[in-house]
Amino acid sequence: MIHELGHGFQLPHIGPRKKDASGNSLMGPNHESFRRLVRKRDERVYLSEAAAAMLSQHPSFRGVSDDRRKLPNVAVMLQRYLANPSKNTITVSGLVRSNSTPVFAIVADESDARPGEYWTKHYIGKISKDGRYAVTITEPSGDNGTLKTWFVFENGTSTGNGRQRGKAGALVKPYRHIGNTYRFK
């Protein structure tokens, strides 16, 4: 029930991360699917860092009036994707300009290896006052996939392209896993 309430606050499906070591994520798979794939009797459920970041800007939690009707204008520059094979990470960085204040950059790793959308891992990075951001993916899948980047704004809205909300308006970057590194298309 709380998972569905999360959707009411515009949260996408956000899968658990191993490094969080906290069981299943609130916006992740249902309990039976989690147990079947993890094969561990872990009853814990946690609010992921990405979900917490998105909720932190929602007007309902900030006690401010809701002015999310109009999406902000967004221009993204210097977007880079850097794989680091020695650390097994991918860093997405760039510069975002907008007529609204961006607070967080969100990157969803939609790996072809995930068992379904409920297992999509999300990562966040704080956006500096000058609009720069860097988000590090610490659990890349070792398979092909797609990275989706969007921004959470001070008024609680989110978009990557300024035309669609949330993940639907994300900047999309396919990748291929080759050897021990990632190549971006």
N, C-alpha and C. Protein backbone atom coordinates (compact mmCIF):
# COMPACT_ATOMS: atom_id res chain seq x y z
N MET A 1 0.82 -1.18 0.00
CA MET A 1 0.00 0.00 0.00
C MET A 1 0.88 1.26 0.00
N ILE A 2 1.94 1.24 0.78
CA ILE A 2 2.82 2.41 0.83
C ILE A 2 3.57 2.57 -0.50
N HIS A 3 3.91 1.45 -1.13
CA HIS A 3 4.54 1.48 -2.47
C HIS A 3 3.62 2.25 -3.43
N GLU A 4 2.34 1.94 -3.43
CA GLU A 4 1.39 2.61 -4.34
C GLU A 4 1.24 4.09 -3.97
N LEU A 5 1.28 4.41 -2.69
CA LEU A 5 1.24 5.81 -2.26
C LEU A 5 2.46 6.55 -2.81
N GLY A 6 3.61 5.87 -2.84
CA GLY A 6 4.82 6.46 -3.42
C GLY A 6 4.60 6.88 -4.87
N HIS A 7 3.86 6.07 -5.63
CA HIS A 7 3.54 6.45 -7.01
C HIS A 7 2.69 7.72 -7.04
N GLY A 8 1.82 7.87 -6.05
CA GLY A 8 1.01 9.09 -5.94
C GLY A 8 1.87 10.33 -5.75
N PHE A 9 3.05 10.15 -5.21
CA PHE A 9 4.01 11.24 -5.05
C PHE A 9 5.02 11.27 -6.21
N GLN A 10 4.68 10.62 -7.31
CA GLN A 10 5.45 10.57 -8.55
C GLN A 10 6.77 9.79 -8.44
N LEU A 11 6.87 8.85 -7.53
CA LEU A 11 8.07 8.02 -7.45
C LEU A 11 7.99 6.90 -8.47
N PRO A 12 9.08 6.64 -9.20
CA PRO A 12 9.12 5.50 -10.12
C PRO A 12 9.47 4.23 -9.36
N HIS A 13 9.52 3.10 -10.06
CA HIS A 13 10.02 1.88 -9.44
C HIS A 13 11.52 2.04 -9.25
N ILE A 14 11.98 1.79 -8.04
CA ILE A 14 13.39 1.94 -7.68
C ILE A 14 13.81 0.67 -6.97
N GLY A 15 14.66 -0.09 -7.61
CA GLY A 15 15.08 -1.38 -7.06
C GLY A 15 16.12 -1.25 -5.96
N PRO A 16 16.27 -2.32 -5.20
CA PRO A 16 17.26 -2.33 -4.11
C PRO A 16 18.69 -2.39 -4.66
N ARG A 17 19.60 -1.83 -3.90
CA ARG A 17 21.02 -1.91 -4.24
C ARG A 17 21.72 -2.76 -3.19
N LYS A 18 22.64 -3.60 -3.63
CA LYS A 18 23.36 -4.48 -2.70
C LYS A 18 24.14 -3.68 -1.66
N LYS A 19 24.78 -2.59 -2.11
CA LYS A 19 25.62 -1.81 -1.20
C LYS A 19 24.81 -1.12 -0.10
N ASP A 20 23.50 -0.95 -0.32
CA ASP A 20 22.66 -0.37 0.74
C ASP A 20 22.50 -1.37 1.89
N ALA A 21 22.57 -2.66 1.58
CA ALA A 21 22.48 -3.74 2.59
C ALA A 21 21.31 -3.53 3.54
N SER A 22 20.14 -3.18 2.97
CA SER A 22 18.98 -2.88 3.82
C SER A 22 17.74 -3.67 3.42
N GLY A 23 17.90 -4.73 2.67
CA GLY A 23 16.75 -5.52 2.24
C GLY A 23 16.18 -4.98 0.94
N ASN A 24 14.87 -5.01 0.83
CA ASN A 24 14.18 -4.56 -0.38
C ASN A 24 13.89 -3.06 -0.27
N SER A 25 13.83 -2.40 -1.42
CA SER A 25 13.49 -0.97 -1.40
C SER A 25 11.97 -0.82 -1.49
N LEU A 26 11.47 0.23 -0.89
CA LEU A 26 10.02 0.49 -0.84
C LEU A 26 9.41 0.53 -2.24
N MET A 27 10.10 1.12 -3.21
CA MET A 27 9.57 1.23 -4.57
C MET A 27 10.08 0.10 -5.47
N GLY A 28 10.63 -0.95 -4.86
CA GLY A 28 11.15 -2.08 -5.61
C GLY A 28 10.11 -3.17 -5.83
N PRO A 29 10.57 -4.42 -6.05
CA PRO A 29 9.67 -5.53 -6.36
C PRO A 29 8.80 -5.92 -5.16
N ASN A 30 7.74 -6.66 -5.45
CA ASN A 30 6.92 -7.12 -4.32
C ASN A 30 7.74 -8.11 -3.49
N HIS A 31 7.26 -8.38 -2.30
CA HIS A 31 8.00 -9.18 -1.32
C HIS A 31 8.34 -10.57 -1.86
N GLU A 32 7.38 -11.23 -2.52
CA GLU A 32 7.61 -12.59 -3.02
C GLU A 32 8.67 -12.61 -4.12
N SER A 33 8.62 -11.64 -5.03
CA SER A 33 9.62 -11.57 -6.10
C SER A 33 11.01 -11.29 -5.53
N PHE A 34 11.06 -10.41 -4.55
CA PHE A 34 12.34 -10.09 -3.91
C PHE A 34 12.94 -11.35 -3.29
N ARG A 35 12.15 -12.07 -2.50
CA ARG A 35 12.64 -13.28 -1.84
C ARG A 35 13.07 -14.35 -2.84
N ARG A 36 12.30 -14.50 -3.90
CA ARG A 36 12.60 -15.53 -4.90
C ARG A 36 13.96 -15.25 -5.57
N LEU A 37 14.25 -14.00 -5.86
CA LEU A 37 15.50 -13.67 -6.55
C LEU A 37 16.69 -13.48 -5.61
N VAL A 38 16.44 -12.99 -4.43
CA VAL A 38 17.53 -12.76 -3.49
C VAL A 38 17.85 -14.01 -2.69
N ARG A 39 16.86 -14.87 -2.54
CA ARG A 39 16.99 -16.15 -1.81
C ARG A 39 17.54 -15.96 -0.40
N LYS A 40 16.99 -14.97 0.24
CA LYS A 40 17.41 -14.67 1.61
C LYS A 40 16.18 -14.21 2.36
N ARG A 41 16.00 -14.68 3.55
CA ARG A 41 14.85 -14.27 4.34
C ARG A 41 15.15 -12.92 5.00
N ASP A 42 14.96 -11.90 4.22
CA ASP A 42 15.19 -10.55 4.72
C ASP A 42 13.87 -9.81 4.66
N GLU A 43 13.33 -9.48 5.79
CA GLU A 43 12.02 -8.83 5.88
C GLU A 43 12.11 -7.31 5.80
N ARG A 44 13.32 -6.77 5.80
CA ARG A 44 13.49 -5.32 5.85
C ARG A 44 13.11 -4.65 4.53
N VAL A 45 12.57 -3.45 4.65
CA VAL A 45 12.24 -2.61 3.50
C VAL A 45 12.73 -1.21 3.84
N TYR A 46 13.33 -0.54 2.87
CA TYR A 46 13.90 0.78 3.14
C TYR A 46 13.51 1.78 2.06
N LEU A 47 13.58 3.05 2.42
CA LEU A 47 13.36 4.15 1.49
C LEU A 47 14.72 4.48 0.87
N SER A 48 14.83 4.30 -0.44
CA SER A 48 16.13 4.52 -1.09
C SER A 48 16.51 6.00 -1.06
N GLU A 49 17.78 6.24 -1.25
CA GLU A 49 18.29 7.61 -1.29
C GLU A 49 17.63 8.40 -2.41
N ALA A 50 17.42 7.76 -3.56
CA ALA A 50 16.78 8.45 -4.70
C ALA A 50 15.34 8.82 -4.37
N ALA A 51 14.59 7.90 -3.77
CA ALA A 51 13.20 8.20 -3.40
C ALA A 51 13.16 9.32 -2.35
N ALA A 52 14.07 9.26 -1.38
CA ALA A 52 14.12 10.30 -0.35
C ALA A 52 14.42 11.67 -0.96
N ALA A 53 15.33 11.71 -1.94
CA ALA A 53 15.67 12.98 -2.60
C ALA A 53 14.45 13.55 -3.32
N MET A 54 13.73 12.69 -4.04
CA MET A 54 12.54 13.16 -4.77
C MET A 54 11.47 13.66 -3.81
N LEU A 55 11.24 12.90 -2.75
CA LEU A 55 10.22 13.30 -1.76
C LEU A 55 10.61 14.57 -1.02
N SER A 56 11.90 14.78 -0.82
CA SER A 56 12.35 15.95 -0.04
C SER A 56 11.95 17.27 -0.69
N GLN A 57 11.73 17.26 -2.00
CA GLN A 57 11.36 18.50 -2.69
C GLN A 57 9.86 18.59 -2.97
N HIS A 58 9.13 17.53 -2.67
CA HIS A 58 7.68 17.53 -2.95
C HIS A 58 6.99 18.58 -2.06
N PRO A 59 6.08 19.39 -2.62
CA PRO A 59 5.40 20.43 -1.85
C PRO A 59 4.71 19.91 -0.58
N SER A 60 4.19 18.70 -0.62
CA SER A 60 3.50 18.14 0.55
C SER A 60 4.44 17.97 1.74
N PHE A 61 5.71 17.70 1.47
CA PHE A 61 6.68 17.49 2.55
C PHE A 61 7.42 18.77 2.92
N ARG A 62 7.36 19.75 2.06
CA ARG A 62 8.03 21.02 2.34
C ARG A 62 7.08 22.04 2.95
N GLY A 63 5.77 21.76 2.92
CA GLY A 63 4.80 22.68 3.50
C GLY A 63 4.63 23.95 2.69
N VAL A 64 4.76 23.85 1.37
CA VAL A 64 4.60 25.00 0.48
C VAL A 64 3.48 24.72 -0.51
N SER A 65 3.00 25.77 -1.15
CA SER A 65 1.93 25.57 -2.15
C SER A 65 2.49 24.84 -3.36
N ASP A 66 1.62 24.11 -4.02
CA ASP A 66 2.01 23.27 -5.15
C ASP A 66 1.98 24.10 -6.44
N ASP A 67 3.14 24.39 -6.99
CA ASP A 67 3.21 25.14 -8.25
C ASP A 67 3.95 24.32 -9.32
N ARG A 68 3.62 23.02 -9.39
CA ARG A 68 4.30 22.12 -10.32
C ARG A 68 3.59 21.98 -11.66
N ARG A 69 2.56 22.78 -11.91
CA ARG A 69 1.79 22.62 -13.16
C ARG A 69 2.65 22.79 -14.40
N LYS A 70 3.46 23.82 -14.43
CA LYS A 70 4.29 24.10 -15.60
C LYS A 70 5.70 23.56 -15.38
N LEU A 71 6.18 22.81 -16.37
CA LEU A 71 7.54 22.28 -16.27
C LEU A 71 8.56 23.39 -16.53
N PRO A 72 9.69 23.34 -15.86
CA PRO A 72 10.73 24.34 -16.11
C PRO A 72 11.38 24.13 -17.47
N ASN A 73 11.95 25.19 -18.02
CA ASN A 73 12.79 25.08 -19.21
C ASN A 73 14.10 24.45 -18.76
N VAL A 74 14.63 23.54 -19.56
CA VAL A 74 15.85 22.84 -19.20
C VAL A 74 16.81 22.82 -20.38
N ALA A 75 18.06 23.16 -20.12
CA ALA A 75 19.13 23.04 -21.11
C ALA A 75 20.28 22.30 -20.43
N VAL A 76 20.69 21.19 -21.01
CA VAL A 76 21.78 20.39 -20.45
C VAL A 76 22.98 20.52 -21.38
N MET A 77 24.11 20.83 -20.79
CA MET A 77 25.35 20.99 -21.53
C MET A 77 26.44 20.13 -20.91
N LEU A 78 27.44 19.85 -21.68
CA LEU A 78 28.63 19.13 -21.20
C LEU A 78 28.30 17.78 -20.58
N GLN A 79 27.21 17.14 -21.02
CA GLN A 79 26.83 15.83 -20.48
C GLN A 79 27.90 14.81 -20.88
N ARG A 80 28.47 14.14 -19.88
CA ARG A 80 29.53 13.16 -20.11
C ARG A 80 29.20 11.87 -19.39
N TYR A 81 29.67 10.78 -19.98
CA TYR A 81 29.52 9.45 -19.41
C TYR A 81 30.91 8.85 -19.34
N LEU A 82 31.39 8.54 -18.15
CA LEU A 82 32.75 8.07 -17.98
C LEU A 82 32.75 6.75 -17.21
N ALA A 83 33.20 5.69 -17.86
CA ALA A 83 33.33 4.39 -17.20
C ALA A 83 34.72 4.29 -16.58
N ASN A 84 34.78 3.75 -15.37
CA ASN A 84 36.05 3.53 -14.71
C ASN A 84 36.16 2.03 -14.41
N PRO A 85 36.80 1.26 -15.30
CA PRO A 85 36.87 -0.19 -15.11
C PRO A 85 37.56 -0.62 -13.82
N SER A 86 38.57 0.12 -13.37
CA SER A 86 39.28 -0.29 -12.15
C SER A 86 38.41 -0.17 -10.90
N LYS A 87 37.47 0.76 -10.90
CA LYS A 87 36.56 0.92 -9.76
C LYS A 87 35.19 0.30 -10.03
N ASN A 88 34.97 -0.17 -11.27
CA ASN A 88 33.68 -0.70 -11.69
C ASN A 88 32.55 0.30 -11.42
N THR A 89 32.75 1.53 -11.93
CA THR A 89 31.75 2.58 -11.79
C THR A 89 31.54 3.28 -13.12
N ILE A 90 30.44 3.99 -13.19
CA ILE A 90 30.14 4.89 -14.31
C ILE A 90 29.76 6.22 -13.68
N THR A 91 30.31 7.32 -14.18
CA THR A 91 29.94 8.64 -13.69
C THR A 91 29.27 9.42 -14.81
N VAL A 92 28.11 9.96 -14.49
CA VAL A 92 27.37 10.82 -15.41
C VAL A 92 27.50 12.24 -14.86
N SER A 93 28.01 13.16 -15.68
CA SER A 93 28.19 14.53 -15.20
C SER A 93 27.74 15.50 -16.28
N GLY A 94 27.54 16.74 -15.85
CA GLY A 94 27.12 17.75 -16.81
C GLY A 94 26.81 19.06 -16.13
N LEU A 95 26.14 19.90 -16.89
CA LEU A 95 25.75 21.23 -16.44
C LEU A 95 24.31 21.44 -16.87
N VAL A 96 23.45 21.80 -15.92
CA VAL A 96 22.05 22.04 -16.24
C VAL A 96 21.71 23.51 -15.97
N ARG A 97 21.01 24.10 -16.91
CA ARG A 97 20.53 25.47 -16.79
C ARG A 97 19.01 25.43 -16.86
N SER A 98 18.36 26.27 -16.05
CA SER A 98 16.91 26.26 -16.02
C SER A 98 16.38 27.56 -15.46
N ASN A 99 15.11 27.84 -15.73
CA ASN A 99 14.45 28.99 -15.13
C ASN A 99 13.91 28.65 -13.74
N SER A 100 14.13 27.44 -13.29
CA SER A 100 13.77 26.98 -11.95
C SER A 100 15.04 26.40 -11.33
N THR A 101 15.09 26.29 -10.02
CA THR A 101 16.31 25.82 -9.36
C THR A 101 16.36 24.29 -9.31
N PRO A 102 17.32 23.67 -10.02
CA PRO A 102 17.48 22.22 -9.93
C PRO A 102 18.23 21.86 -8.65
N VAL A 103 17.80 20.81 -7.98
CA VAL A 103 18.40 20.42 -6.70
C VAL A 103 19.16 19.11 -6.80
N PHE A 104 18.55 18.11 -7.45
CA PHE A 104 19.18 16.79 -7.57
C PHE A 104 19.17 16.33 -9.02
N ALA A 105 20.22 15.60 -9.41
CA ALA A 105 20.24 14.86 -10.66
C ALA A 105 19.99 13.40 -10.30
N ILE A 106 19.10 12.76 -11.03
CA ILE A 106 18.77 11.34 -10.82
C ILE A 106 19.20 10.58 -12.07
N VAL A 107 19.86 9.44 -11.88
CA VAL A 107 20.21 8.57 -13.00
C VAL A 107 19.66 7.18 -12.70
N ALA A 108 18.83 6.67 -13.62
CA ALA A 108 18.30 5.31 -13.52
C ALA A 108 19.12 4.43 -14.45
N ASP A 109 19.60 3.30 -13.93
CA ASP A 109 20.34 2.33 -14.74
C ASP A 109 19.39 1.21 -15.13
N GLU A 110 18.89 1.28 -16.35
CA GLU A 110 17.96 0.27 -16.86
C GLU A 110 18.77 -0.79 -17.60
N SER A 111 19.38 -1.66 -16.83
CA SER A 111 20.23 -2.72 -17.35
C SER A 111 19.40 -3.82 -18.00
N ASP A 112 19.92 -4.39 -19.08
CA ASP A 112 19.25 -5.54 -19.71
C ASP A 112 19.29 -6.76 -18.80
N ALA A 113 20.17 -6.78 -17.81
CA ALA A 113 20.31 -7.91 -16.90
C ALA A 113 19.29 -7.90 -15.76
N ARG A 114 18.61 -6.80 -15.55
CA ARG A 114 17.67 -6.74 -14.42
C ARG A 114 16.47 -7.64 -14.71
N PRO A 115 15.89 -8.24 -13.68
CA PRO A 115 14.76 -9.15 -13.87
C PRO A 115 13.46 -8.44 -14.29
N GLY A 116 13.42 -7.14 -14.20
CA GLY A 116 12.24 -6.37 -14.56
C GLY A 116 12.40 -4.94 -14.06
N GLU A 117 11.43 -4.06 -14.42
CA GLU A 117 11.57 -2.64 -14.09
C GLU A 117 11.63 -2.37 -12.59
N TYR A 118 11.07 -3.25 -11.77
CA TYR A 118 11.09 -3.06 -10.32
C TYR A 118 12.51 -3.14 -9.75
N TRP A 119 13.45 -3.64 -10.54
CA TRP A 119 14.83 -3.81 -10.11
C TRP A 119 15.75 -2.72 -10.66
N THR A 120 15.20 -1.67 -11.25
CA THR A 120 16.01 -0.58 -11.79
C THR A 120 16.71 0.16 -10.65
N LYS A 121 18.01 0.26 -10.74
CA LYS A 121 18.78 0.95 -9.70
C LYS A 121 18.87 2.43 -10.05
N HIS A 122 18.69 3.27 -9.04
CA HIS A 122 18.72 4.73 -9.20
C HIS A 122 19.84 5.31 -8.35
N TYR A 123 20.44 6.37 -8.86
CA TYR A 123 21.54 7.05 -8.19
C TYR A 123 21.28 8.55 -8.23
N ILE A 124 21.75 9.27 -7.23
CA ILE A 124 21.51 10.71 -7.19
C ILE A 124 22.81 11.49 -7.00
N GLY A 125 22.75 12.74 -7.39
CA GLY A 125 23.84 13.67 -7.14
C GLY A 125 23.25 15.04 -6.89
N LYS A 126 23.82 15.75 -5.96
CA LYS A 126 23.38 17.12 -5.66
C LYS A 126 23.86 18.03 -6.79
N ILE A 127 23.04 18.99 -7.16
CA ILE A 127 23.41 19.95 -8.20
C ILE A 127 23.94 21.21 -7.51
N SER A 128 25.12 21.65 -7.92
CA SER A 128 25.73 22.84 -7.32
C SER A 128 24.99 24.10 -7.77
N LYS A 129 25.27 25.19 -7.11
CA LYS A 129 24.62 26.47 -7.43
C LYS A 129 24.87 26.90 -8.88
N ASP A 130 26.01 26.51 -9.45
CA ASP A 130 26.29 26.88 -10.84
C ASP A 130 25.72 25.88 -11.85
N GLY A 131 24.99 24.85 -11.36
CA GLY A 131 24.31 23.90 -12.23
C GLY A 131 25.08 22.64 -12.55
N ARG A 132 26.27 22.49 -11.98
CA ARG A 132 27.07 21.29 -12.27
C ARG A 132 26.61 20.12 -11.39
N TYR A 133 26.69 18.94 -11.96
CA TYR A 133 26.33 17.73 -11.23
C TYR A 133 27.22 16.57 -11.65
N ALA A 134 27.33 15.59 -10.78
CA ALA A 134 28.01 14.33 -11.08
C ALA A 134 27.30 13.25 -10.28
N VAL A 135 26.93 12.19 -10.97
CA VAL A 135 26.25 11.06 -10.34
C VAL A 135 27.07 9.81 -10.65
N THR A 136 27.44 9.06 -9.61
CA THR A 136 28.25 7.87 -9.80
C THR A 136 27.41 6.62 -9.61
N ILE A 137 27.44 5.78 -10.63
CA ILE A 137 26.75 4.48 -10.59
C ILE A 137 27.75 3.49 -10.01
N THR A 138 27.44 2.99 -8.83
CA THR A 138 28.38 2.15 -8.10
C THR A 138 28.13 0.65 -8.28
N GLU A 139 27.00 0.30 -8.90
CA GLU A 139 26.68 -1.12 -9.13
C GLU A 139 26.26 -1.34 -10.58
N PRO A 140 27.13 -1.03 -11.55
CA PRO A 140 26.74 -1.31 -12.93
C PRO A 140 26.56 -2.81 -13.11
N SER A 141 25.72 -3.17 -14.06
CA SER A 141 25.23 -4.55 -14.18
C SER A 141 26.19 -5.55 -14.81
N GLY A 142 27.14 -5.10 -15.61
CA GLY A 142 27.95 -6.04 -16.36
C GLY A 142 27.24 -6.53 -17.61
N ASP A 143 26.25 -5.76 -18.05
CA ASP A 143 25.49 -6.09 -19.26
C ASP A 143 25.18 -4.80 -20.00
N ASN A 144 24.51 -4.89 -21.14
CA ASN A 144 24.08 -3.72 -21.88
C ASN A 144 22.89 -3.08 -21.18
N GLY A 145 22.56 -1.85 -21.57
CA GLY A 145 21.41 -1.20 -20.96
C GLY A 145 21.27 0.25 -21.41
N THR A 146 20.54 1.00 -20.60
CA THR A 146 20.28 2.41 -20.89
C THR A 146 20.34 3.20 -19.59
N LEU A 147 20.99 4.37 -19.64
CA LEU A 147 20.99 5.30 -18.51
C LEU A 147 19.98 6.39 -18.81
N LYS A 148 19.16 6.73 -17.81
CA LYS A 148 18.18 7.80 -17.96
C LYS A 148 18.43 8.83 -16.87
N THR A 149 18.62 10.09 -17.31
CA THR A 149 18.96 11.18 -16.39
C THR A 149 17.86 12.23 -16.40
N TRP A 150 17.44 12.66 -15.20
CA TRP A 150 16.51 13.77 -15.08
C TRP A 150 16.82 14.52 -13.79
N PHE A 151 16.13 15.62 -13.59
CA PHE A 151 16.45 16.52 -12.49
C PHE A 151 15.22 16.79 -11.62
N VAL A 152 15.45 16.92 -10.33
CA VAL A 152 14.40 17.28 -9.38
C VAL A 152 14.61 18.74 -9.04
N PHE A 153 13.54 19.53 -9.16
CA PHE A 153 13.61 20.96 -8.95
C PHE A 153 13.06 21.35 -7.59
N GLU A 154 13.42 22.55 -7.18
CA GLU A 154 13.04 23.07 -5.87
C GLU A 154 11.52 23.05 -5.64
N ASN A 155 10.72 23.21 -6.69
CA ASN A 155 9.27 23.21 -6.51
C ASN A 155 8.68 21.80 -6.49
N GLY A 156 9.53 20.77 -6.59
CA GLY A 156 9.07 19.40 -6.50
C GLY A 156 8.83 18.72 -7.84
N THR A 157 8.85 19.46 -8.93
CA THR A 157 8.67 18.84 -10.24
C THR A 157 9.97 18.19 -10.69
N SER A 158 9.88 17.34 -11.69
CA SER A 158 11.10 16.72 -12.20
C SER A 158 10.97 16.49 -13.71
N THR A 159 12.08 16.69 -14.40
CA THR A 159 12.15 16.49 -15.85
C THR A 159 13.61 16.51 -16.27
N GLY A 160 13.87 15.96 -17.44
CA GLY A 160 15.20 16.06 -18.02
C GLY A 160 15.19 16.89 -19.29
N ASN A 161 14.03 16.90 -19.94
CA ASN A 161 13.93 17.62 -21.23
C ASN A 161 13.02 18.84 -21.19
N GLY A 162 12.32 19.07 -20.10
CA GLY A 162 11.43 20.23 -19.98
C GLY A 162 10.09 20.04 -20.68
N ARG A 163 9.86 18.87 -21.27
CA ARG A 163 8.60 18.61 -21.97
C ARG A 163 7.75 17.53 -21.31
N GLN A 164 8.40 16.57 -20.66
CA GLN A 164 7.69 15.48 -19.99
C GLN A 164 8.18 15.37 -18.55
N ARG A 165 7.31 14.88 -17.68
CA ARG A 165 7.64 14.78 -16.26
C ARG A 165 8.42 13.50 -15.92
N GLY A 166 9.26 13.63 -14.89
CA GLY A 166 9.97 12.48 -14.34
C GLY A 166 10.78 11.71 -15.36
N LYS A 167 10.78 10.39 -15.16
CA LYS A 167 11.58 9.52 -16.02
C LYS A 167 11.13 9.58 -17.48
N ALA A 168 9.86 9.87 -17.74
CA ALA A 168 9.37 9.98 -19.12
C ALA A 168 10.08 11.11 -19.86
N GLY A 169 10.54 12.12 -19.14
CA GLY A 169 11.25 13.25 -19.74
C GLY A 169 12.75 13.17 -19.57
N ALA A 170 13.26 11.97 -19.30
CA ALA A 170 14.70 11.80 -19.05
C ALA A 170 15.53 11.91 -20.32
N LEU A 171 16.80 12.27 -20.13
CA LEU A 171 17.80 12.20 -21.18
C LEU A 171 18.24 10.74 -21.25
N VAL A 172 18.23 10.15 -22.42
CA VAL A 172 18.45 8.71 -22.59
C VAL A 172 19.80 8.44 -23.25
N LYS A 173 20.57 7.52 -22.64
CA LYS A 173 21.88 7.16 -23.20
C LYS A 173 22.06 5.63 -23.14
N PRO A 174 21.95 4.95 -24.29
CA PRO A 174 22.20 3.51 -24.31
C PRO A 174 23.69 3.22 -24.09
N TYR A 175 23.98 2.05 -23.53
CA TYR A 175 25.37 1.64 -23.36
C TYR A 175 25.52 0.16 -23.66
N ARG A 176 26.75 -0.20 -23.97
CA ARG A 176 27.10 -1.61 -24.19
C ARG A 176 28.22 -1.97 -23.25
N HIS A 177 28.13 -3.16 -22.70
CA HIS A 177 29.19 -3.67 -21.85
C HIS A 177 30.11 -4.52 -22.72
N ILE A 178 31.37 -4.10 -22.81
CA ILE A 178 32.34 -4.79 -23.64
C ILE A 178 33.58 -5.04 -22.79
N GLY A 179 33.94 -6.31 -22.63
CA GLY A 179 35.08 -6.65 -21.78
C GLY A 179 34.78 -6.29 -20.34
N ASN A 180 35.58 -5.41 -19.77
CA ASN A 180 35.32 -4.99 -18.40
C ASN A 180 34.96 -3.49 -18.32
N THR A 181 34.45 -2.95 -19.44
CA THR A 181 34.10 -1.53 -19.43
C THR A 181 32.78 -1.30 -20.18
N TYR A 182 32.37 -0.05 -20.22
CA TYR A 182 31.11 0.34 -20.86
C TYR A 182 31.38 1.32 -21.98
N ARG A 183 30.68 1.16 -23.08
CA ARG A 183 30.77 2.08 -24.22
C ARG A 183 29.39 2.70 -24.41
N PHE A 184 29.38 4.01 -24.66
CA PHE A 184 28.14 4.75 -24.76
C PHE A 184 27.85 5.10 -26.21
N LYS A 185 26.60 4.88 -26.62
CA LYS A 185 26.20 5.10 -28.01
C LYS A 185 25.82 6.54 -28.25
